Amino acid sequence: MKKRNFKAPSGETISFTELGFGTAPIGNLYRAVDPEDAQKTLEAAWKAGIRYFDTAPLYGLGLSETRLNRFLFGKKRKDYVLSTKVGRLLDICPPQERTGIGKFFDTPSRKERFDYTYDGFMRSIEFSLERLGVDSIDIIFVHDVDVFTHKSEAARDAHVKTLMSSGYKALVKLREQKVIKAFGAGINEWQVAETLTRAGDFDIFLLAGRYTLLEQEALQSFLPLCEERGVGIVLGGPYNSGILATGPKPGAWYDYDPAPKHILERVAKIEAVCKRHKVKLPEAALRFPLHHSQVVSVIPGGVSAKEVALNAKTMGVKLPKALWKELKAEGLLRKDAPVPR
């Protein structure tokens, strides 16, 4: 598995594998995963050469972190990169009040409480270290400080204000003390990532689904700003919730919902170009974001050992340069999207 060395604005160098592993699926997202199956999935990722693992307290309400604990036990800390998130504390609650009913299954009875303060971040990291069973975490992402999660610009802006006036100070302190190597935010919208980049000294963002074969609006201003400041991007959701993996089939998912007609039609056109070059749609989707200089890793979902092996195989396929040229000529990629020449 190829690696990319990222020198953060903080001066720390972090070595990412181009393909990372996002742990939401093994946190029982959308369906319960047997503990042994989760372990086998993680083992398959390691066997494939994946050495970057991203998690969060939200994923399975602590479950993904505790499953990583079992998997990482005994492995040398220097052999892998680990990121988790802050912004939510998990409070014990009655089972019927737990967060994520119908989304996460067979999880501990915990209710999320958003907390973007200094003390909240410090507590969250302490809890994550215990659940993960490690002595250090490489990257801390502020989780979901966006409209998608908080439902309005006013609510988002209030949380951003708290983050910058309080929680941000905790992250800077931990980075200065070498407790963490870098920090940023894990969010669904590039616009708020740009706001944070202009407001503070952020190293790296985990951007979910907003720079893909289907969407490149982040090239308008955010990604050029990242180039200017040396900010890295981990690209989550390279399949845009599934449609770039399954193709425009009936019931295909886009951005966590059934894909609308215009998205189905656009993906059908992209897939047609791929077929003319004997390329599978997922192969183009997984490789495309990595052509941008600031993208250090992509993390598609993998809920089984078979899916992880397939992602690794897909990542290894070499694609013809003519594919990207035709996608641009057909207006299916932005003209300024970086691709091989």
C-alpha atoms as a PDB file:
ATOM      1  CA  MET A   1       0.000   0.000   0.000  1.00  0.00           C
ATOM      2  CA  LYS A   2       1.450   3.345  -1.072  1.00  0.00           C
ATOM      3  CA  LYS A   3       2.056   5.993   1.570  1.00  0.00           C
ATOM      4  CA  ARG A   4       1.959   9.768   1.497  1.00  0.00           C
ATOM      5  CA  ASN A   5       4.046  11.778   3.906  1.00  0.00           C
ATOM      6  CA  PHE A   6       2.207  14.872   5.044  1.00  0.00           C
ATOM      7  CA  LYS A   7       4.125  17.657   6.729  1.00  0.00           C
ATOM      8  CA  ALA A   8       1.541  19.532   8.754  1.00  0.00           C
ATOM      9  CA  PRO A   9       1.738  23.304   9.197  1.00  0.00           C
ATOM     10  CA  SER A  10       2.650  22.469  12.810  1.00  0.00           C
ATOM     11  CA  GLY A  11       5.872  20.907  11.521  1.00  0.00           C
ATOM     12  CA  GLU A  12       4.965  17.293  12.332  1.00  0.00           C
ATOM     13  CA  THR A  13       5.245  14.702   9.567  1.00  0.00           C
ATOM     14  CA  ILE A  14       2.544  12.046   9.385  1.00  0.00           C
ATOM     15  CA  SER A  15       2.759   9.051   7.043  1.00  0.00           C
ATOM     16  CA  PHE A  16      -0.654   8.099   5.675  1.00  0.00           C
ATOM     17  CA  THR A  17      -1.515   5.086   3.561  1.00  0.00           C
ATOM     18  CA  GLU A  18      -3.404   6.268   0.479  1.00  0.00           C
ATOM     19  CA  LEU A  19      -6.252   4.008   1.540  1.00  0.00           C
ATOM     20  CA  GLY A  20      -7.451   4.462   5.103  1.00  0.00           C
ATOM     21  CA  PHE A  21     -10.054   2.668   7.174  1.00  0.00           C
ATOM     22  CA  GLY A  22     -13.113   4.442   8.561  1.00  0.00           C
ATOM     23  CA  THR A  23     -14.606   2.602  11.526  1.00  0.00           C
ATOM     24  CA  ALA A  24     -18.241   3.780  11.487  1.00  0.00           C
ATOM     25  CA  PRO A  25     -19.427   0.507   9.870  1.00  0.00           C
ATOM     26  CA  ILE A  26     -17.834  -1.664  12.575  1.00  0.00           C
ATOM     27  CA  GLY A  27     -19.569   0.604  15.093  1.00  0.00           C
ATOM     28  CA  ASN A  28     -22.789  -1.108  13.967  1.00  0.00           C
ATOM     29  CA  LEU A  29     -23.842   1.622  11.568  1.00  0.00           C
ATOM     30  CA  TYR A  30     -27.086   0.559   9.833  1.00  0.00           C
ATOM     31  CA  ARG A  31     -26.750  -3.023  11.086  1.00  0.00           C
ATOM     32  CA  ALA A  32     -25.191  -4.986  13.913  1.00  0.00           C
ATOM     33  CA  VAL A  33     -21.781  -6.496  13.180  1.00  0.00           C
ATOM     34  CA  ASP A  34     -20.663  -9.568  15.104  1.00  0.00           C
ATOM     35  CA  PRO A  35     -17.551  -8.794  17.208  1.00  0.00           C
ATOM     36  CA  GLU A  36     -15.553 -11.554  15.508  1.00  0.00           C
ATOM     37  CA  ASP A  37     -16.556 -10.275  12.070  1.00  0.00           C
ATOM     38  CA  ALA A  38     -15.455  -6.773  13.069  1.00  0.00           C
ATOM     39  CA  GLN A  39     -12.094  -8.178  14.153  1.00  0.00           C
ATOM     40  CA  LYS A  40     -11.696 -10.038  10.852  1.00  0.00           C
ATOM     41  CA  THR A  41     -12.520  -6.867   8.930  1.00  0.00           C
ATOM     42  CA  LEU A  42      -9.821  -4.943  10.773  1.00  0.00           C
ATOM     43  CA  GLU A  43      -7.350  -7.797  10.255  1.00  0.00           C
ATOM     44  CA  ALA A  44      -8.131  -7.743   6.529  1.00  0.00           C
ATOM     45  CA  ALA A  45      -7.375  -4.017   6.459  1.00  0.00           C
ATOM     46  CA  TRP A  46      -4.003  -4.601   8.117  1.00  0.00           C
ATOM     47  CA  LYS A  47      -3.222  -7.480   5.739  1.00  0.00           C
ATOM     48  CA  ALA A  48      -4.001  -5.203   2.791  1.00  0.00           C
ATOM     49  CA  GLY A  49      -1.402  -2.735   4.064  1.00  0.00           C
ATOM     50  CA  ILE A  50      -3.784  -0.135   5.489  1.00  0.00           C
ATOM     51  CA  ARG A  51      -2.154   1.730   8.376  1.00  0.00           C
ATOM     52  CA  TYR A  52      -4.462   4.709   8.868  1.00  0.00           C
ATOM     53  CA  PHE A  53      -7.525   4.212  11.063  1.00  0.00           C
ATOM     54  CA  ASP A  54     -10.149   6.871  11.755  1.00  0.00           C
ATOM     55  CA  THR A  55     -12.743   6.590  14.492  1.00  0.00           C
ATOM     56  CA  ALA A  56     -15.008   8.721  16.695  1.00  0.00           C
ATOM     57  CA  PRO A  57     -16.959   8.438  19.956  1.00  0.00           C
ATOM     58  CA  LEU A  58     -20.182   8.733  17.919  1.00  0.00           C
ATOM     59  CA  TYR A  59     -19.510   5.562  15.914  1.00  0.00           C
ATOM     60  CA  GLY A  60     -21.462   2.952  17.816  1.00  0.00           C
ATOM     61  CA  LEU A  61     -21.505   5.271  20.869  1.00  0.00           C
ATOM     62  CA  GLY A  62     -18.005   4.166  21.814  1.00  0.00           C
ATOM     63  CA  LEU A  63     -18.211   0.740  20.190  1.00  0.00           C
ATOM     64  CA  SER A  64     -15.865   1.425  17.255  1.00  0.00           C
ATOM     65  CA  GLU A  65     -13.180   2.724  19.615  1.00  0.00           C
ATOM     66  CA  THR A  66     -13.420  -0.311  21.894  1.00  0.00           C
ATOM     67  CA  ARG A  67     -13.282  -2.657  18.890  1.00  0.00           C
ATOM     68  CA  LEU A  68     -10.156  -0.865  17.692  1.00  0.00           C
ATOM     69  CA  ASN A  69      -8.722  -1.367  21.188  1.00  0.00           C
ATOM     70  CA  ARG A  70      -8.857  -5.146  20.800  1.00  0.00           C
ATOM     71  CA  PHE A  71      -7.427  -5.018  17.285  1.00  0.00           C
ATOM     72  CA  LEU A  72      -4.554  -2.620  18.015  1.00  0.00           C
ATOM     73  CA  PHE A  73      -3.483  -4.343  21.225  1.00  0.00           C
ATOM     74  CA  GLY A  74       0.080  -5.585  20.842  1.00  0.00           C
ATOM     75  CA  LYS A  75       0.834  -3.600  17.691  1.00  0.00           C
ATOM     76  CA  LYS A  76       3.679  -1.089  17.778  1.00  0.00           C
ATOM     77  CA  ARG A  77       2.301   2.424  18.089  1.00  0.00           C
ATOM     78  CA  LYS A  78       4.698   3.755  15.470  1.00  0.00           C
ATOM     79  CA  ASP A  79       3.303   1.347  12.867  1.00  0.00           C
ATOM     80  CA  TYR A  80      -0.060   3.037  12.370  1.00  0.00           C
ATOM     81  CA  VAL A  81      -1.759   6.448  12.278  1.00  0.00           C
ATOM     82  CA  LEU A  82      -4.831   6.980  14.439  1.00  0.00           C
ATOM     83  CA  SER A  83      -7.415   9.755  14.429  1.00  0.00           C
ATOM     84  CA  THR A  84     -10.514  10.288  16.527  1.00  0.00           C
ATOM     85  CA  LYS A  85     -12.882  13.150  17.154  1.00  0.00           C
ATOM     86  CA  VAL A  86     -14.151  15.606  19.756  1.00  0.00           C
ATOM     87  CA  GLY A  87     -17.344  17.629  20.020  1.00  0.00           C
ATOM     88  CA  ARG A  88     -19.637  15.024  21.556  1.00  0.00           C
ATOM     89  CA  LEU A  89     -19.664  13.621  25.072  1.00  0.00           C
ATOM     90  CA  LEU A  90     -21.568  10.400  25.721  1.00  0.00           C
ATOM     91  CA  ASP A  91     -23.863  10.378  28.742  1.00  0.00           C
ATOM     92  CA  ILE A  92     -25.356   7.227  30.238  1.00  0.00           C
ATOM     93  CA  CYS A  93     -29.110   7.107  29.613  1.00  0.00           C
ATOM     94  CA  PRO A  94     -32.103   4.721  29.536  1.00  0.00           C
ATOM     95  CA  PRO A  95     -31.975   2.427  26.449  1.00  0.00           C
ATOM     96  CA  GLN A  96     -35.004   4.096  24.859  1.00  0.00           C
ATOM     97  CA  GLU A  97     -33.277   7.500  24.979  1.00  0.00           C
ATOM     98  CA  ARG A  98     -29.991   6.535  23.391  1.00  0.00           C
ATOM     99  CA  THR A  99     -28.640   8.368  20.353  1.00  0.00           C
ATOM    100  CA  GLY A 100     -28.929   6.779  16.940  1.00  0.00           C
ATOM    101  CA  ILE A 101     -31.914   4.485  17.324  1.00  0.00           C
ATOM    102  CA  GLY A 102     -32.543   3.068  13.842  1.00  0.00           C
ATOM    103  CA  LYS A 103     -29.060   4.149  12.713  1.00  0.00           C
ATOM    104  CA  PHE A 104     -26.709   2.395  15.134  1.00  0.00           C
ATOM    105  CA  PHE A 105     -27.593  -1.051  16.446  1.00  0.00           C
ATOM    106  CA  ASP A 106     -26.694  -3.029  19.582  1.00  0.00           C
ATOM    107  CA  THR A 107     -24.731  -0.167  21.112  1.00  0.00           C
ATOM    108  CA  PRO A 108     -24.222   0.966  24.709  1.00  0.00           C
ATOM    109  CA  SER A 109     -27.053   3.110  26.109  1.00  0.00           C
ATOM    110  CA  ARG A 110     -25.507   6.520  25.633  1.00  0.00           C
ATOM    111  CA  LYS A 111     -26.891   9.895  24.623  1.00  0.00           C
ATOM    112  CA  GLU A 112     -24.753  12.401  22.751  1.00  0.00           C
ATOM    113  CA  ARG A 113     -24.207  15.845  24.199  1.00  0.00           C
ATOM    114  CA  PHE A 114     -22.526  18.403  21.958  1.00  0.00           C
ATOM    115  CA  ASP A 115     -19.659  20.131  23.715  1.00  0.00           C
ATOM    116  CA  TYR A 116     -17.139  22.267  21.842  1.00  0.00           C
ATOM    117  CA  THR A 117     -15.517  23.763  24.956  1.00  0.00           C
ATOM    118  CA  TYR A 118     -11.978  23.435  26.302  1.00  0.00           C
ATOM    119  CA  ASP A 119     -13.078  21.155  29.142  1.00  0.00           C
ATOM    120  CA  GLY A 120     -15.341  19.161  26.845  1.00  0.00           C
ATOM    121  CA  PHE A 121     -12.504  18.458  24.421  1.00  0.00           C
ATOM    122  CA  MET A 122     -10.122  17.451  27.193  1.00  0.00           C
ATOM    123  CA  ARG A 123     -12.685  15.071  28.694  1.00  0.00           C
ATOM    124  CA  SER A 124     -13.537  13.609  25.303  1.00  0.00           C
ATOM    125  CA  ILE A 125      -9.895  12.867  24.494  1.00  0.00           C
ATOM    126  CA  GLU A 126      -9.362  11.289  27.912  1.00  0.00           C
ATOM    127  CA  PHE A 127     -12.356   8.995  27.377  1.00  0.00           C
ATOM    128  CA  SER A 128     -11.172   8.100  23.861  1.00  0.00           C
ATOM    129  CA  LEU A 129      -7.704   7.188  25.095  1.00  0.00           C
ATOM    130  CA  GLU A 130      -9.296   4.805  27.592  1.00  0.00           C
ATOM    131  CA  ARG A 131     -11.669   3.228  25.063  1.00  0.00           C
ATOM    132  CA  LEU A 132      -8.876   2.861  22.503  1.00  0.00           C
ATOM    133  CA  GLY A 133      -6.357   1.569  25.030  1.00  0.00           C
ATOM    134  CA  VAL A 134      -3.531   3.659  23.567  1.00  0.00           C
ATOM    135  CA  ASP A 135      -1.155   6.244  24.992  1.00  0.00           C
ATOM    136  CA  SER A 136      -1.451   8.729  22.140  1.00  0.00           C
ATOM    137  CA  ILE A 137      -3.654   9.819  19.249  1.00  0.00           C
ATOM    138  CA  ASP A 138      -2.080  11.325  16.143  1.00  0.00           C
ATOM    139  CA  ILE A 139      -4.908  13.543  14.917  1.00  0.00           C
ATOM    140  CA  ILE A 140      -7.947  15.062  16.601  1.00  0.00           C
ATOM    141  CA  PHE A 141     -10.835  16.182  14.414  1.00  0.00           C
ATOM    142  CA  VAL A 142     -13.620  18.440  15.686  1.00  0.00           C
ATOM    143  CA  HIS A 143     -16.708  16.466  14.729  1.00  0.00           C
ATOM    144  CA  ASP A 144     -19.682  17.728  12.737  1.00  0.00           C
ATOM    145  CA  VAL A 145     -19.592  21.461  13.373  1.00  0.00           C
ATOM    146  CA  ASP A 146     -21.768  21.962  10.286  1.00  0.00           C
ATOM    147  CA  VAL A 147     -25.319  22.691   9.110  1.00  0.00           C
ATOM    148  CA  PHE A 148     -25.849  19.043   8.141  1.00  0.00           C
ATOM    149  CA  THR A 149     -25.619  18.081  11.823  1.00  0.00           C
ATOM    150  CA  HIS A 150     -26.950  21.163  13.608  1.00  0.00           C
ATOM    151  CA  LYS A 151     -29.765  21.902  11.118  1.00  0.00           C
ATOM    152  CA  SER A 152     -29.304  25.663  10.773  1.00  0.00           C
ATOM    153  CA  GLU A 153     -26.589  28.190  10.039  1.00  0.00           C
ATOM    154  CA  ALA A 154     -27.348  29.952  13.325  1.00  0.00           C
ATOM    155  CA  ALA A 155     -26.809  26.784  15.360  1.00  0.00           C
ATOM    156  CA  ARG A 156     -23.663  25.943  13.434  1.00  0.00           C
ATOM    157  CA  ASP A 157     -22.260  29.443  13.870  1.00  0.00           C
ATOM    158  CA  ALA A 158     -22.918  29.338  17.610  1.00  0.00           C
ATOM    159  CA  HIS A 159     -20.921  26.105  17.876  1.00  0.00           C
ATOM    160  CA  VAL A 160     -18.123  27.506  15.715  1.00  0.00           C
ATOM    161  CA  LYS A 161     -17.951  30.509  18.039  1.00  0.00           C
ATOM    162  CA  THR A 162     -17.650  28.220  21.081  1.00  0.00           C
ATOM    163  CA  LEU A 163     -15.043  26.132  19.303  1.00  0.00           C
ATOM    164  CA  MET A 164     -12.840  29.095  18.420  1.00  0.00           C
ATOM    165  CA  SER A 165     -13.178  30.834  21.787  1.00  0.00           C
ATOM    166  CA  SER A 166     -12.758  27.728  23.956  1.00  0.00           C
ATOM    167  CA  GLY A 167     -12.177  24.244  22.492  1.00  0.00           C
ATOM    168  CA  TYR A 168      -9.599  25.479  19.995  1.00  0.00           C
ATOM    169  CA  LYS A 169      -7.304  26.455  22.871  1.00  0.00           C
ATOM    170  CA  ALA A 170      -7.282  22.855  24.107  1.00  0.00           C
ATOM    171  CA  LEU A 171      -6.241  21.558  20.688  1.00  0.00           C
ATOM    172  CA  VAL A 172      -3.453  24.124  20.360  1.00  0.00           C
ATOM    173  CA  LYS A 173      -2.183  23.249  23.837  1.00  0.00           C
ATOM    174  CA  LEU A 174      -2.184  19.506  23.142  1.00  0.00           C
ATOM    175  CA  ARG A 175      -0.341  20.030  19.866  1.00  0.00           C
ATOM    176  CA  GLU A 176       2.243  22.306  21.482  1.00  0.00           C
ATOM    177  CA  GLN A 177       2.818  19.687  24.184  1.00  0.00           C
ATOM    178  CA  LYS A 178       3.245  16.976  21.492  1.00  0.00           C
ATOM    179  CA  VAL A 179       0.292  15.015  22.879  1.00  0.00           C
ATOM    180  CA  ILE A 180      -1.171  15.101  19.360  1.00  0.00           C
ATOM    181  CA  LYS A 181       0.579  15.722  16.052  1.00  0.00           C
ATOM    182  CA  ALA A 182      -2.181  17.624  14.293  1.00  0.00           C
ATOM    183  CA  PHE A 183      -5.777  18.746  14.550  1.00  0.00           C
ATOM    184  CA  GLY A 184      -8.599  19.798  12.291  1.00  0.00           C
ATOM    185  CA  ALA A 185     -12.262  19.053  11.781  1.00  0.00           C
ATOM    186  CA  GLY A 186     -14.294  16.164  10.405  1.00  0.00           C
ATOM    187  CA  ILE A 187     -17.242  17.718   8.577  1.00  0.00           C
ATOM    188  CA  ASN A 188     -19.713  17.327   5.728  1.00  0.00           C
ATOM    189  CA  GLU A 189     -19.325  20.820   4.229  1.00  0.00           C
ATOM    190  CA  TRP A 190     -16.258  22.436   2.698  1.00  0.00           C
ATOM    191  CA  GLN A 191     -17.591  25.948   3.380  1.00  0.00           C
ATOM    192  CA  VAL A 192     -17.253  25.648   7.155  1.00  0.00           C
ATOM    193  CA  ALA A 193     -13.845  24.028   6.684  1.00  0.00           C
ATOM    194  CA  GLU A 194     -12.799  27.163   4.836  1.00  0.00           C
ATOM    195  CA  THR A 195     -14.208  29.351   7.619  1.00  0.00           C
ATOM    196  CA  LEU A 196     -12.163  27.434  10.191  1.00  0.00           C
ATOM    197  CA  THR A 197      -9.014  27.561   8.052  1.00  0.00           C
ATOM    198  CA  ARG A 198      -9.260  31.344   7.896  1.00  0.00           C
ATOM    199  CA  ALA A 199     -10.085  31.608  11.609  1.00  0.00           C
ATOM    200  CA  GLY A 200      -7.328  29.466  13.100  1.00  0.00           C
ATOM    201  CA  ASP A 201      -4.229  27.342  12.669  1.00  0.00           C
ATOM    202  CA  PHE A 202      -5.757  24.053  11.529  1.00  0.00           C
ATOM    203  CA  ASP A 203      -3.569  21.299  10.064  1.00  0.00           C
ATOM    204  CA  ILE A 204      -5.918  18.895   8.333  1.00  0.00           C
ATOM    205  CA  PHE A 205      -9.592  18.255   7.592  1.00  0.00           C
ATOM    206  CA  LEU A 206     -11.592  15.092   7.128  1.00  0.00           C
ATOM    207  CA  LEU A 207     -14.013  16.150   4.412  1.00  0.00           C
ATOM    208  CA  ALA A 208     -16.905  13.745   3.857  1.00  0.00           C
ATOM    209  CA  GLY A 209     -18.055  13.411   0.253  1.00  0.00           C
ATOM    210  CA  ARG A 210     -17.313  16.972  -0.850  1.00  0.00           C
ATOM    211  CA  TYR A 211     -14.440  16.388  -3.269  1.00  0.00           C
ATOM    212  CA  THR A 212     -15.314  13.407  -5.406  1.00  0.00           C
ATOM    213  CA  LEU A 213     -15.767  12.253  -8.966  1.00  0.00           C
ATOM    214  CA  LEU A 214     -19.278  13.686  -8.637  1.00  0.00           C
ATOM    215  CA  GLU A 215     -18.554  16.945  -6.751  1.00  0.00           C
ATOM    216  CA  GLN A 216     -15.679  19.398  -7.055  1.00  0.00           C
ATOM    217  CA  GLU A 217     -17.131  22.707  -5.815  1.00  0.00           C
ATOM    218  CA  ALA A 218     -14.456  22.786  -3.100  1.00  0.00           C
ATOM    219  CA  LEU A 219     -12.034  23.813  -5.879  1.00  0.00           C
ATOM    220  CA  GLN A 220     -13.701  27.237  -5.977  1.00  0.00           C
ATOM    221  CA  SER A 221     -11.840  28.561  -2.954  1.00  0.00           C
ATOM    222  CA  PHE A 222     -11.288  26.004  -0.179  1.00  0.00           C
ATOM    223  CA  LEU A 223      -8.809  23.648  -1.815  1.00  0.00           C
ATOM    224  CA  PRO A 224      -6.695  26.493  -3.237  1.00  0.00           C
ATOM    225  CA  LEU A 225      -6.563  27.895   0.309  1.00  0.00           C
ATOM    226  CA  CYS A 226      -5.392  24.488   1.564  1.00  0.00           C
ATOM    227  CA  GLU A 227      -2.608  24.517  -1.034  1.00  0.00           C
ATOM    228  CA  GLU A 228      -1.593  28.009   0.029  1.00  0.00           C
ATOM    229  CA  ARG A 229      -1.408  27.093   3.722  1.00  0.00           C
ATOM    230  CA  GLY A 230      -0.243  23.497   3.475  1.00  0.00           C
ATOM    231  CA  VAL A 231      -3.451  22.110   4.979  1.00  0.00           C
ATOM    232  CA  GLY A 232      -4.109  18.410   4.361  1.00  0.00           C
ATOM    233  CA  ILE A 233      -7.330  16.647   3.399  1.00  0.00           C
ATOM    234  CA  VAL A 234      -8.495  13.170   4.323  1.00  0.00           C
ATOM    235  CA  LEU A 235     -11.332  12.414   1.925  1.00  0.00           C
ATOM    236  CA  GLY A 236     -14.165  10.479   3.503  1.00  0.00           C
ATOM    237  CA  GLY A 237     -17.093   9.152   1.494  1.00  0.00           C
ATOM    238  CA  PRO A 238     -15.352   8.938  -1.906  1.00  0.00           C
ATOM    239  CA  TYR A 239     -18.394   7.013  -3.190  1.00  0.00           C
ATOM    240  CA  ASN A 240     -20.821   9.782  -2.088  1.00  0.00           C
ATOM    241  CA  SER A 241     -22.703   7.397   0.233  1.00  0.00           C
ATOM    242  CA  GLY A 242     -22.702   4.588  -2.318  1.00  0.00           C
ATOM    243  CA  ILE A 243     -23.777   5.744  -5.779  1.00  0.00           C
ATOM    244  CA  LEU A 244     -20.204   5.919  -7.112  1.00  0.00           C
ATOM    245  CA  ALA A 245     -19.716   2.317  -6.007  1.00  0.00           C
ATOM    246  CA  THR A 246     -23.024   0.819  -7.122  1.00  0.00           C
ATOM    247  CA  GLY A 247     -23.663   3.012 -10.134  1.00  0.00           C
ATOM    248  CA  PRO A 248     -27.001   4.714 -10.881  1.00  0.00           C
ATOM    249  CA  LYS A 249     -29.152   1.739  -9.958  1.00  0.00           C
ATOM    250  CA  PRO A 250     -32.701   2.107  -8.597  1.00  0.00           C
ATOM    251  CA  GLY A 251     -32.435   2.804  -4.881  1.00  0.00           C
ATOM    252  CA  ALA A 252     -28.813   4.039  -5.127  1.00  0.00           C
ATOM    253  CA  TRP A 253     -27.750   6.252  -2.224  1.00  0.00           C
ATOM    254  CA  TYR A 254     -26.317   9.749  -2.440  1.00  0.00           C
ATOM    255  CA  ASP A 255     -25.420  11.890   0.580  1.00  0.00           C
ATOM    256  CA  TYR A 256     -27.171   9.514   3.019  1.00  0.00           C
ATOM    257  CA  ASP A 257     -30.471   9.571   1.077  1.00  0.00           C
ATOM    258  CA  PRO A 258     -31.908   7.952  -2.073  1.00  0.00           C
ATOM    259  CA  ALA A 259     -30.262   9.618  -5.062  1.00  0.00           C
ATOM    260  CA  PRO A 260     -32.399  12.233  -6.870  1.00  0.00           C
ATOM    261  CA  LYS A 261     -32.967  12.021 -10.618  1.00  0.00           C
ATOM    262  CA  HIS A 262     -30.350  14.608 -11.637  1.00  0.00           C
ATOM    263  CA  ILE A 263     -27.657  12.786  -9.658  1.00  0.00           C
ATOM    264  CA  LEU A 264     -28.624   9.434 -11.188  1.00  0.00           C
ATOM    265  CA  GLU A 265     -28.400  10.967 -14.645  1.00  0.00           C
ATOM    266  CA  ARG A 266     -24.995  12.555 -14.033  1.00  0.00           C
ATOM    267  CA  VAL A 267     -23.542   9.352 -12.600  1.00  0.00           C
ATOM    268  CA  ALA A 268     -24.886   7.432 -15.610  1.00  0.00           C
ATOM    269  CA  LYS A 269     -22.934   9.767 -17.896  1.00  0.00           C
ATOM    270  CA  ILE A 270     -19.761   9.375 -15.805  1.00  0.00           C
ATOM    271  CA  GLU A 271     -20.137   5.606 -15.828  1.00  0.00           C
ATOM    272  CA  ALA A 272     -20.588   5.583 -19.613  1.00  0.00           C
ATOM    273  CA  VAL A 273     -17.257   7.385 -20.071  1.00  0.00           C
ATOM    274  CA  CYS A 274     -15.580   4.951 -17.678  1.00  0.00           C
ATOM    275  CA  LYS A 275     -16.897   1.988 -19.660  1.00  0.00           C
ATOM    276  CA  ARG A 276     -15.496   3.408 -22.884  1.00  0.00           C
ATOM    277  CA  HIS A 277     -12.064   3.276 -21.234  1.00  0.00           C
ATOM    278  CA  LYS A 278     -12.637  -0.175 -19.702  1.00  0.00           C
ATOM    279  CA  VAL A 279     -12.612   1.340 -16.220  1.00  0.00           C
ATOM    280  CA  LYS A 280     -15.030   0.451 -13.443  1.00  0.00           C
ATOM    281  CA  LEU A 281     -16.824   3.398 -11.842  1.00  0.00           C
ATOM    282  CA  PRO A 282     -15.526   2.632  -8.296  1.00  0.00           C
ATOM    283  CA  GLU A 283     -11.951   2.513  -9.610  1.00  0.00           C
ATOM    284  CA  ALA A 284     -12.227   6.057 -10.958  1.00  0.00           C
ATOM    285  CA  ALA A 285     -14.079   7.277  -7.856  1.00  0.00           C
ATOM    286  CA  LEU A 286     -11.503   5.948  -5.412  1.00  0.00           C
ATOM    287  CA  ARG A 287      -8.501   7.246  -7.327  1.00  0.00           C
ATOM    288  CA  PHE A 288      -9.780  10.685  -8.403  1.00  0.00           C
ATOM    289  CA  PRO A 289      -9.429  12.616  -5.082  1.00  0.00           C
ATOM    290  CA  LEU A 290      -5.819  11.490  -4.646  1.00  0.00           C
ATOM    291  CA  HIS A 291      -4.759  13.464  -7.720  1.00  0.00           C
ATOM    292  CA  HIS A 292      -5.088  16.627  -5.635  1.00  0.00           C
ATOM    293  CA  SER A 293      -1.836  17.525  -3.911  1.00  0.00           C
ATOM    294  CA  GLN A 294      -3.450  18.140  -0.505  1.00  0.00           C
ATOM    295  CA  VAL A 295      -5.414  14.874  -0.310  1.00  0.00           C
ATOM    296  CA  VAL A 296      -3.386  12.454   1.814  1.00  0.00           C
ATOM    297  CA  SER A 297      -5.783   9.511   2.116  1.00  0.00           C
ATOM    298  CA  VAL A 298      -9.257   8.323   1.132  1.00  0.00           C
ATOM    299  CA  ILE A 299     -11.388   6.332   3.551  1.00  0.00           C
ATOM    300  CA  PRO A 300     -14.275   4.412   2.004  1.00  0.00           C
ATOM    301  CA  GLY A 301     -16.491   2.337   4.249  1.00  0.00           C
ATOM    302  CA  GLY A 302     -15.786  -1.345   4.717  1.00  0.00           C
ATOM    303  CA  VAL A 303     -18.058  -3.508   6.852  1.00  0.00           C
ATOM    304  CA  SER A 304     -16.565  -6.890   5.953  1.00  0.00           C
ATOM    305  CA  ALA A 305     -13.197  -8.430   5.175  1.00  0.00           C
ATOM    306  CA  LYS A 306     -14.407  -8.970   1.607  1.00  0.00           C
ATOM    307  CA  GLU A 307     -15.270  -5.278   1.146  1.00  0.00           C
ATOM    308  CA  VAL A 308     -11.914  -4.173   2.548  1.00  0.00           C
ATOM    309  CA  ALA A 309     -10.044  -6.514   0.186  1.00  0.00           C
ATOM    310  CA  LEU A 310     -12.118  -5.199  -2.724  1.00  0.00           C
ATOM    311  CA  ASN A 311     -11.303  -1.580  -1.816  1.00  0.00           C
ATOM    312  CA  ALA A 312      -7.595  -2.419  -1.687  1.00  0.00           C
ATOM    313  CA  LYS A 313      -7.776  -4.161  -5.064  1.00  0.00           C
ATOM    314  CA  THR A 314      -9.722  -1.242  -6.537  1.00  0.00           C
ATOM    315  CA  MET A 315      -7.135   1.225  -5.287  1.00  0.00           C
ATOM    316  CA  GLY A 316      -4.358  -0.719  -6.988  1.00  0.00           C
ATOM    317  CA  VAL A 317      -5.785  -0.492 -10.516  1.00  0.00           C
ATOM    318  CA  LYS A 318      -3.912   1.791 -12.929  1.00  0.00           C
ATOM    319  CA  LEU A 319      -6.198   4.077 -14.919  1.00  0.00           C
ATOM    320  CA  PRO A 320      -5.629   5.596 -18.388  1.00  0.00           C
ATOM    321  CA  LYS A 321      -4.956   9.320 -18.575  1.00  0.00           C
ATOM    322  CA  ALA A 322      -7.427   9.550 -21.446  1.00  0.00           C
ATOM    323  CA  LEU A 323     -10.253   8.796 -19.009  1.00  0.00           C
ATOM    324  CA  TRP A 324      -9.786  12.063 -17.159  1.00  0.00           C
ATOM    325  CA  LYS A 325      -9.370  13.998 -20.402  1.00  0.00           C
ATOM    326  CA  GLU A 326     -12.709  12.753 -21.730  1.00  0.00           C
ATOM    327  CA  LEU A 327     -14.522  13.372 -18.436  1.00  0.00           C
ATOM    328  CA  LYS A 328     -13.404  16.999 -18.642  1.00  0.00           C
ATOM    329  CA  ALA A 329     -14.293  17.265 -22.313  1.00  0.00           C
ATOM    330  CA  GLU A 330     -17.808  16.008 -21.502  1.00  0.00           C
ATOM    331  CA  GLY A 331     -18.200  18.579 -18.720  1.00  0.00           C
ATOM    332  CA  LEU A 332     -18.316  15.857 -16.069  1.00  0.00           C
ATOM    333  CA  LEU A 333     -15.205  17.077 -14.266  1.00  0.00           C
ATOM    334  CA  ARG A 334     -14.228  20.666 -13.551  1.00  0.00           C
ATOM    335  CA  LYS A 335     -11.552  21.980 -15.887  1.00  0.00           C
ATOM    336  CA  ASP A 336      -9.367  22.898 -12.911  1.00  0.00           C
ATOM    337  CA  ALA A 337      -9.583  19.467 -11.244  1.00  0.00           C
ATOM    338  CA  PRO A 338      -6.045  18.045 -10.909  1.00  0.00           C
ATOM    339  CA  VAL A 339      -5.597  14.846 -12.959  1.00  0.00           C
ATOM    340  CA  PRO A 340      -2.631  13.090 -14.588  1.00  0.00           C
ATOM    341  CA  ARG A 341      -1.512  14.603 -17.891  1.00  0.00           C
END
